[in-house]
Amino acid sequence: MEAPRLAHTMSSPTSPCEEVIKNLSLEAIQLCDRDGNKSQDSGIAEMEELPVPHNIKISNITCDSFKISWDMDSKSKDRITHYFIDLNKKENKNSNKFKHKDVPTKLVAKAVPLPMTVRGHWFLSPRTEYTVAVQTASKQVDGDYVVSEWSEIIEFCTADYSKVHLTQLLEKAEVIAGRMLKLSVFYRNQHKEYFDYIREHHGNAMQPSVKDNSGSHGSPISGKLEGIFFSCNTEFNTGKPPQDSPYGRYRFEIAAEKLFNPNTNLYFGDFYCMYTAYHYVILVIAPVGSPGDEFCKQRLPQLNIKDNKFLTCDEEDGVMVYHHAQDVILEVIYTDPVDLSLGTVAEITGHQLMSLSTANAKKDPSCKTCNISVGR
C-alpha cells in the first residue's frame, strides 16, 4: 500500500486525490481519537454494525514498510469500503519531555484483500518501534464515513537497512571518496589504562566489542556487530597517521598486512556525517569464514579488496601495497581479537581532540550527500 504524498491540511476523510488512489495506496486524513471522540468537522459517524478488526498481524517488515492483516466478523463485511490506520511512534519514557512529539500518522486505504502493504519513508523510519490500530469504514453518498470501533493496539519494530539500501549509501560515498593515498599501518588510539587492562585481564589480546549507535539509524551493524575499531587515514603531506586523535593519547600501530590481506573479506558498513563538512565511511574487515564474516555476508555489501573506492590491498612486485580514500574519514572495524604483540603501543605527540570523537554520534538527517530516500 504505497502512500502518496501527505496532505498538509484536511478537514475530512474525503480527499480530492481519492480518484487517483490505487488499490494499495494510502492517503493521510484527519481521524478521530482512538477513544472514540470525533472532531466536529471530521465528517465521521460511528455505527456498531461494522466489524471491528481483531487478531492483527504484522509481517514482512522492512526499514520503511510492513504488511498488515487482521480477522473480522463476516457481519456487514460487504459494507466496508475503506480501512483507517492509526500509526504512531511508540512513546519513549526516557525521551526529553520538552521535545516536540512526532505527529501521528493517520492513513486511509481502500478496502483491498489482506494482507496489504503500508509503505512510506516519510512516516516510517528504520529500527523504530511503532504502535498501530485499525478501523473499518463505509463511505456514504454524502462523503461522510461510518466507522467501527478501533481495534486493539499492536506494537512492532521496523527493520534495519537492507543490502539494497546500503548499496545506495555506498554509491553516494563513492562520489566523494576522492583520490587514493598510500598507507602502511592501521592504528587504534586509547587511554593508557585501556592497554594496561588488556595486558592484565585479556592475555595481551584486544577483544571485539559491540559497535555503538553512531552513524545511520538504520545501519545493521550498530548495536549488533562485534569488532575492534581502527583508523587508517594518513596525512597527505607525510603519508603517516596524524599525531592528533579524539580517542586517547596512546596508539597501537600494526602493519596493514596483518589485518588486511587476501585471507580477509572487506565490507561496506555505513556512510554518514555529524553536521560538519567531514564525512565518514565505516568498513568492516573480517577473516574469511569467521563469525564476523558470516554476519557481514548476510547484511552488508562486499567490496573487492583490490578494486574499490575506499580501501585497497594489492600485490606489486611481490609486496602488498595499500591505499585509502583521501576525502572521507575511514572507520575500520576488525572482527577478530588482535594481540598487542603484533604491533607497538606508544604515546602520540599531538593532542587529544575530543570534539572529533564519533562515539554514539548521530547522523545529520538533512545532509543530501549522505542520506538516501528511506527513513533516517
Protein backbone atom coordinates (compact mmCIF):
# COMPACT_ATOMS: atom_id res chain seq x y z
CA MET A 1 0.00 0.00 0.00
CA GLU A 2 2.22 2.77 -1.27
CA ALA A 3 1.21 6.10 0.21
CA PRO A 4 1.06 9.20 -1.98
CA ARG A 5 2.39 12.45 -0.60
CA LEU A 6 0.86 13.51 2.71
CA ALA A 7 -1.68 16.30 2.62
CA HIS A 8 -0.82 19.22 4.88
CA THR A 9 -4.38 20.09 5.94
CA MET A 10 -7.53 18.06 5.54
CA SER A 11 -10.80 18.68 7.33
CA SER A 12 -12.44 15.41 6.39
CA PRO A 13 -11.56 11.97 5.04
CA THR A 14 -12.89 13.00 1.66
CA SER A 15 -9.84 13.72 -0.44
CA PRO A 16 -9.66 15.49 -3.83
CA CYS A 17 -6.98 12.96 -4.71
CA GLU A 18 -9.21 9.98 -3.99
CA GLU A 19 -9.91 9.24 -7.65
CA VAL A 20 -6.23 8.56 -8.26
CA ILE A 21 -5.74 6.35 -5.22
CA LYS A 22 -4.92 2.85 -6.41
CA ASN A 23 -5.75 -0.44 -4.73
CA LEU A 24 -2.93 -0.39 -2.20
CA SER A 25 -2.46 3.34 -1.76
CA LEU A 26 -2.87 5.40 1.41
CA GLU A 27 -3.95 8.98 1.97
CA ALA A 28 -3.32 11.00 5.10
CA ILE A 29 -6.53 12.07 6.79
CA GLN A 30 -7.69 13.70 9.98
CA LEU A 31 -9.29 10.96 12.07
CA CYS A 32 -10.99 10.70 15.40
CA ASP A 33 -9.05 9.90 18.54
CA ARG A 34 -8.80 6.24 19.46
CA ASP A 35 -11.12 6.76 22.43
CA GLY A 36 -13.98 7.37 20.02
CA ASN A 37 -14.21 11.16 20.30
CA LYS A 38 -14.86 12.67 16.89
CA SER A 39 -13.96 16.16 15.83
CA GLN A 40 -17.00 18.19 14.83
CA ASP A 41 -15.80 18.71 11.28
CA SER A 42 -14.42 15.23 10.67
CA GLY A 43 -17.44 14.00 8.76
CA ILE A 44 -17.19 10.63 10.52
CA ALA A 45 -20.08 8.89 12.21
CA GLU A 46 -19.92 5.74 14.29
CA MET A 47 -22.01 2.65 13.69
CA GLU A 48 -21.62 -0.54 15.67
CA GLU A 49 -22.70 -2.79 12.81
CA LEU A 50 -19.32 -2.57 11.07
CA PRO A 51 -16.95 -5.35 12.19
CA VAL A 52 -14.06 -4.40 14.45
CA PRO A 53 -10.65 -5.71 13.27
CA HIS A 54 -9.05 -8.15 15.70
CA ASN A 55 -6.10 -10.54 15.82
CA ILE A 56 -3.95 -8.04 13.91
CA LYS A 57 -0.81 -9.48 12.34
CA ILE A 58 2.26 -7.55 11.15
CA SER A 59 4.65 -9.28 8.72
CA ASN A 60 7.25 -8.67 6.00
CA ILE A 61 8.73 -5.78 7.98
CA THR A 62 11.44 -3.69 6.28
CA CYS A 63 13.02 -0.37 7.24
CA ASP A 64 10.20 1.60 5.59
CA SER A 65 7.30 -0.82 5.01
CA PHE A 66 5.27 -3.64 6.52
CA LYS A 67 2.32 -5.87 5.71
CA ILE A 68 -0.76 -5.82 7.89
CA SER A 69 -3.72 -8.19 8.14
CA TRP A 70 -6.47 -8.97 10.64
CA ASP A 71 -9.57 -11.05 11.22
CA MET A 72 -13.13 -9.69 11.02
CA ASP A 73 -16.62 -10.99 11.67
CA SER A 74 -18.49 -11.57 8.44
CA LYS A 75 -21.40 -9.41 9.65
CA SER A 76 -21.72 -6.30 7.44
CA LYS A 77 -18.33 -7.09 5.93
CA ASP A 78 -19.61 -6.34 2.45
CA ARG A 79 -20.36 -2.74 3.50
CA ILE A 80 -16.69 -1.96 4.19
CA THR A 81 -15.20 0.43 1.63
CA HIS A 82 -12.12 1.68 3.49
CA TYR A 83 -9.70 0.93 6.30
CA PHE A 84 -8.45 3.63 8.66
CA ILE A 85 -4.97 3.08 10.10
CA ASP A 86 -3.56 4.96 13.08
CA LEU A 87 0.24 4.68 13.10
CA ASN A 88 2.38 6.25 15.84
CA LYS A 89 5.93 6.06 17.07
CA LYS A 90 5.97 4.26 20.39
CA GLU A 91 6.46 6.76 23.19
CA ASN A 92 9.89 6.67 24.77
CA LYS A 93 9.52 7.24 28.50
CA ASN A 94 13.17 8.30 28.70
CA SER A 95 12.89 10.93 25.99
CA ASN A 96 13.17 14.63 26.68
CA LYS A 97 9.74 15.77 27.88
CA PHE A 98 10.27 19.20 26.33
CA LYS A 99 10.96 17.76 22.87
CA HIS A 100 8.19 18.14 20.31
CA LYS A 101 6.31 14.89 19.88
CA ASP A 102 6.16 13.18 16.50
CA VAL A 103 2.95 13.96 14.65
CA PRO A 104 0.78 10.83 14.50
CA THR A 105 0.21 9.42 11.03
CA LYS A 106 -3.44 8.82 10.12
CA LEU A 107 -3.99 6.86 6.94
CA VAL A 108 -6.97 5.73 4.92
CA ALA A 109 -6.87 2.92 2.37
CA LYS A 110 -9.47 1.48 0.07
CA ALA A 111 -10.62 -1.91 1.30
CA VAL A 112 -8.50 -4.48 -0.51
CA PRO A 113 -7.69 -8.14 0.11
CA LEU A 114 -5.45 -8.69 3.12
CA PRO A 115 -2.58 -8.60 3.85
CA MET A 116 -1.78 -5.22 2.39
CA THR A 117 1.48 -3.29 2.37
CA VAL A 118 1.98 0.01 4.15
CA ARG A 119 4.98 1.83 2.71
CA GLY A 120 6.32 5.33 3.18
CA HIS A 121 9.75 6.64 4.09
CA TRP A 122 8.34 9.98 5.25
CA PHE A 123 6.44 8.35 8.13
CA LEU A 124 8.38 5.11 8.70
CA SER A 125 11.95 5.10 9.99
CA PRO A 126 14.26 2.09 10.33
CA ARG A 127 14.81 0.33 13.65
CA THR A 128 11.95 2.25 15.27
CA GLU A 129 9.13 1.00 17.49
CA TYR A 130 5.58 1.83 16.38
CA THR A 131 2.02 1.24 17.52
CA VAL A 132 -0.81 0.62 15.06
CA ALA A 133 -4.59 0.33 15.33
CA VAL A 134 -7.24 -0.16 12.64
CA GLN A 135 -10.88 0.78 11.97
CA THR A 136 -13.17 -0.43 9.23
CA ALA A 137 -15.21 2.24 7.45
CA SER A 138 -18.03 2.63 4.98
CA LYS A 139 -18.15 5.72 2.81
CA GLN A 140 -21.60 7.24 2.43
CA VAL A 141 -23.08 9.01 -0.60
CA ASP A 142 -22.65 12.39 1.11
CA GLY A 143 -18.92 11.77 1.58
CA ASP A 144 -19.13 11.02 5.30
CA TYR A 145 -17.86 7.77 6.77
CA VAL A 146 -19.46 5.25 9.09
CA VAL A 147 -16.72 3.62 11.16
CA SER A 148 -16.22 0.72 13.53
CA GLU A 149 -14.60 0.92 16.91
CA TRP A 150 -10.80 0.95 16.94
CA SER A 151 -9.05 -2.38 17.09
CA GLU A 152 -6.61 -3.30 19.81
CA ILE A 153 -3.23 -1.56 19.64
CA ILE A 154 -0.37 -3.63 18.23
CA GLU A 155 3.34 -2.86 18.64
CA PHE A 156 6.12 -3.65 16.17
CA CYS A 157 9.61 -2.50 15.24
CA THR A 158 10.82 -1.66 11.74
CA ALA A 159 13.92 -3.36 10.34
CA ASP A 160 17.45 -2.21 9.55
CA TYR A 161 18.68 -1.09 6.15
CA SER A 162 18.84 -3.95 3.68
CA LYS A 163 21.76 -4.58 1.31
CA VAL A 164 19.82 -2.62 -1.31
CA HIS A 165 19.70 0.47 0.90
CA LEU A 166 23.36 0.09 1.91
CA THR A 167 24.34 -0.18 -1.75
CA GLN A 168 22.64 3.18 -2.32
CA LEU A 169 24.70 4.64 0.53
CA LEU A 170 27.82 3.01 -0.91
CA GLU A 171 27.24 4.62 -4.29
CA LYS A 172 26.80 8.06 -2.69
CA ALA A 173 30.01 7.58 -0.70
CA GLU A 174 31.94 6.63 -3.84
CA VAL A 175 31.10 10.00 -5.38
CA ILE A 176 33.06 11.96 -2.74
CA ALA A 177 35.76 9.43 -1.78
CA GLY A 178 38.49 11.25 -3.70
CA ARG A 179 41.88 10.00 -4.84
CA MET A 180 43.73 7.17 -3.15
CA LEU A 181 46.73 7.64 -0.85
CA LYS A 182 49.19 5.01 0.32
CA LEU A 183 49.08 3.64 3.85
CA SER A 184 51.23 1.13 5.71
CA VAL A 185 49.60 0.73 9.14
CA PHE A 186 46.27 0.55 10.92
CA TYR A 187 46.14 2.31 14.28
CA ARG A 188 43.93 2.46 17.36
CA ASN A 189 44.08 5.22 19.97
CA GLN A 190 43.02 4.66 23.57
CA HIS A 191 43.94 5.73 27.09
CA LYS A 192 46.94 4.12 28.78
CA GLU A 193 44.59 2.38 31.23
CA TYR A 194 42.92 0.55 28.35
CA PHE A 195 46.14 -1.09 27.20
CA ASP A 196 47.13 -1.89 30.79
CA TYR A 197 43.78 -3.61 31.26
CA ILE A 198 44.21 -5.62 28.04
CA ARG A 199 47.61 -6.87 29.19
CA GLU A 200 46.42 -7.76 32.69
CA HIS A 201 42.97 -9.21 32.06
CA HIS A 202 42.88 -10.40 28.43
CA GLY A 203 46.26 -12.02 27.93
CA ASN A 204 47.55 -9.15 25.78
CA ALA A 205 44.74 -9.54 23.19
CA MET A 206 42.31 -6.74 22.37
CA GLN A 207 38.80 -8.21 22.28
CA PRO A 208 35.94 -7.31 19.92
CA SER A 209 33.09 -5.34 21.47
CA VAL A 210 29.63 -4.42 20.21
CA LYS A 211 29.61 -1.41 17.89
CA ASP A 212 27.93 1.69 19.30
CA ASN A 213 24.97 3.51 17.72
CA SER A 214 26.95 6.09 15.77
CA GLY A 215 26.13 6.62 12.12
CA SER A 216 22.94 5.89 10.21
CA HIS A 217 19.98 4.97 12.37
CA GLY A 218 19.19 2.04 10.08
CA SER A 219 22.69 0.56 9.97
CA PRO A 220 22.50 -3.21 10.57
CA ILE A 221 25.86 -3.24 12.37
CA SER A 222 25.01 -0.72 15.11
CA GLY A 223 24.48 -2.47 18.43
CA LYS A 224 24.99 -5.87 16.79
CA LEU A 225 28.37 -6.37 15.11
CA GLU A 226 31.32 -7.14 17.39
CA GLY A 227 34.70 -5.79 16.38
CA ILE A 228 37.71 -3.61 17.18
CA PHE A 229 37.81 -0.07 15.86
CA PHE A 230 40.86 1.03 13.82
CA SER A 231 41.78 4.07 11.78
CA CYS A 232 43.91 4.15 8.65
CA ASN A 233 43.79 7.70 7.26
CA THR A 234 47.15 9.38 6.68
CA GLU A 235 48.28 12.96 6.27
CA PHE A 236 48.69 13.66 2.56
CA ASN A 237 51.98 15.53 3.04
CA THR A 238 53.71 12.90 5.23
CA GLY A 239 51.99 9.64 4.33
CA LYS A 240 51.84 8.86 8.06
CA PRO A 241 48.97 8.76 10.58
CA PRO A 242 48.08 12.16 12.10
CA GLN A 243 49.55 12.88 15.52
CA ASP A 244 46.24 14.11 16.95
CA SER A 245 43.39 11.80 17.98
CA PRO A 246 39.95 12.07 19.62
CA TYR A 247 40.24 8.73 21.39
CA GLY A 248 43.30 8.79 23.63
CA ARG A 249 46.98 9.67 23.85
CA TYR A 250 48.27 6.11 23.41
CA ARG A 251 48.31 4.49 19.99
CA PHE A 252 48.56 0.88 18.92
CA GLU A 253 50.02 0.57 15.41
CA ILE A 254 50.01 -2.62 13.38
CA ALA A 255 51.31 -3.36 9.88
CA ALA A 256 48.43 -3.25 7.41
CA GLU A 257 49.08 -6.75 6.04
CA LYS A 258 48.48 -8.31 9.47
CA LEU A 259 44.84 -7.22 9.43
CA PHE A 260 44.01 -6.78 5.75
CA ASN A 261 45.12 -9.39 3.21
CA PRO A 262 43.74 -11.95 0.71
CA ASN A 263 42.58 -14.07 3.67
CA THR A 264 40.14 -11.37 4.76
CA ASN A 265 36.92 -10.00 3.30
CA LEU A 266 36.03 -6.32 3.15
CA TYR A 267 32.51 -4.94 3.60
CA PHE A 268 30.86 -1.53 3.35
CA GLY A 269 29.06 -0.70 6.62
CA ASP A 270 27.86 2.91 6.59
CA PHE A 271 28.25 6.47 5.31
CA TYR A 272 27.41 9.47 7.49
CA CYS A 273 28.31 12.91 8.79
CA MET A 274 27.75 14.77 12.08
CA TYR A 275 26.53 18.21 10.99
CA THR A 276 30.02 19.00 9.68
CA ALA A 277 31.77 19.03 6.32
CA TYR A 278 33.57 15.79 7.21
CA HIS A 279 32.07 12.52 6.03
CA TYR A 280 32.77 9.10 7.49
CA VAL A 281 32.74 5.68 5.85
CA ILE A 282 32.59 2.57 8.03
CA LEU A 283 34.31 -0.52 6.61
CA VAL A 284 34.46 -3.99 8.11
CA ILE A 285 37.44 -6.35 7.72
CA ALA A 286 36.64 -9.96 8.62
CA PRO A 287 38.85 -13.06 8.34
CA VAL A 288 37.34 -15.40 5.76
CA GLY A 289 34.91 -17.84 7.37
CA SER A 290 34.95 -16.15 10.78
CA PRO A 291 31.71 -15.41 12.70
CA GLY A 292 32.13 -11.75 11.78
CA ASP A 293 32.46 -12.69 8.12
CA GLU A 294 29.25 -14.73 8.23
CA PHE A 295 27.42 -11.85 9.95
CA CYS A 296 28.54 -9.34 7.32
CA LYS A 297 27.98 -11.64 4.35
CA GLN A 298 24.26 -11.73 5.13
CA ARG A 299 23.84 -8.00 5.74
CA LEU A 300 26.50 -5.83 4.08
CA PRO A 301 27.69 -5.17 0.50
CA GLN A 302 31.04 -6.89 -0.04
CA LEU A 303 33.87 -4.94 -1.67
CA ASN A 304 36.62 -6.17 -3.96
CA ILE A 305 39.77 -5.78 -1.83
CA LYS A 306 41.82 -4.94 -4.93
CA ASP A 307 39.38 -2.56 -6.59
CA ASN A 308 37.11 -0.23 -4.62
CA LYS A 309 36.96 3.50 -3.82
CA PHE A 310 37.81 3.31 -0.11
CA LEU A 311 40.49 0.82 0.97
CA THR A 312 42.51 -1.48 -1.27
CA CYS A 313 45.06 -4.24 -0.89
CA ASP A 314 47.04 -5.46 -3.89
CA GLU A 315 50.38 -7.06 -4.68
CA GLU A 316 53.03 -5.14 -6.60
CA ASP A 317 56.41 -6.76 -7.32
CA GLY A 318 55.78 -9.37 -4.63
CA VAL A 319 54.93 -6.78 -1.97
CA MET A 320 51.47 -5.95 -0.59
CA VAL A 321 50.55 -2.32 -1.26
CA TYR A 322 47.71 -0.49 0.49
CA HIS A 323 45.71 2.63 -0.38
CA HIS A 324 42.91 4.59 1.31
CA ALA A 325 40.48 7.27 0.11
CA GLN A 326 41.68 10.80 0.82
CA ASP A 327 38.41 12.71 1.12
CA VAL A 328 36.48 10.59 3.63
CA ILE A 329 37.44 9.53 7.15
CA LEU A 330 37.56 5.74 7.28
CA GLU A 331 36.44 3.89 10.39
CA VAL A 332 37.61 0.29 10.09
CA ILE A 333 36.15 -2.48 12.24
CA TYR A 334 38.19 -5.69 12.54
CA THR A 335 36.02 -8.57 13.77
CA ASP A 336 38.59 -10.84 15.49
CA PRO A 337 40.82 -10.38 18.58
CA VAL A 338 44.17 -8.66 17.96
CA ASP A 339 47.24 -9.38 20.08
CA LEU A 340 49.25 -6.35 21.15
CA SER A 341 52.46 -8.26 20.39
CA LEU A 342 51.62 -7.92 16.67
CA GLY A 343 52.28 -4.17 16.82
CA THR A 344 53.55 -1.38 19.03
CA VAL A 345 52.00 0.93 21.64
CA ALA A 346 53.38 4.44 22.06
CA GLU A 347 52.24 7.88 23.21
CA ILE A 348 51.35 10.35 20.45
CA THR A 349 52.99 13.78 20.33
CA GLY A 350 49.81 15.60 19.27
CA HIS A 351 46.59 16.50 21.05
CA GLN A 352 43.54 14.56 22.11
CA LEU A 353 40.77 16.26 20.12
CA MET A 354 37.63 15.13 21.95
CA SER A 355 35.38 17.24 19.73
CA LEU A 356 36.14 14.94 16.79
CA SER A 357 35.00 11.77 18.54
CA THR A 358 32.27 9.80 16.76
CA ALA A 359 31.27 7.72 19.78
CA ASN A 360 27.48 7.32 19.57
CA ALA A 361 27.40 10.27 17.17
CA LYS A 362 24.06 10.94 15.49
CA LYS A 363 23.88 11.30 11.74
CA ASP A 364 22.73 14.58 10.23
CA PRO A 365 19.37 13.60 8.67
CA SER A 366 19.27 16.72 6.48
CA CYS A 367 22.56 16.15 4.63
CA LYS A 368 21.87 15.49 0.96
CA THR A 369 25.33 13.99 0.46
CA CYS A 370 24.98 11.01 2.79
CA ASN A 371 21.23 10.33 3.10
CA ILE A 372 19.03 8.13 0.94
CA SER A 373 15.27 8.30 0.42
CA VAL A 374 14.27 5.86 3.13
CA GLY A 375 13.74 6.50 6.83
CA ARG A 376 16.75 8.11 8.54
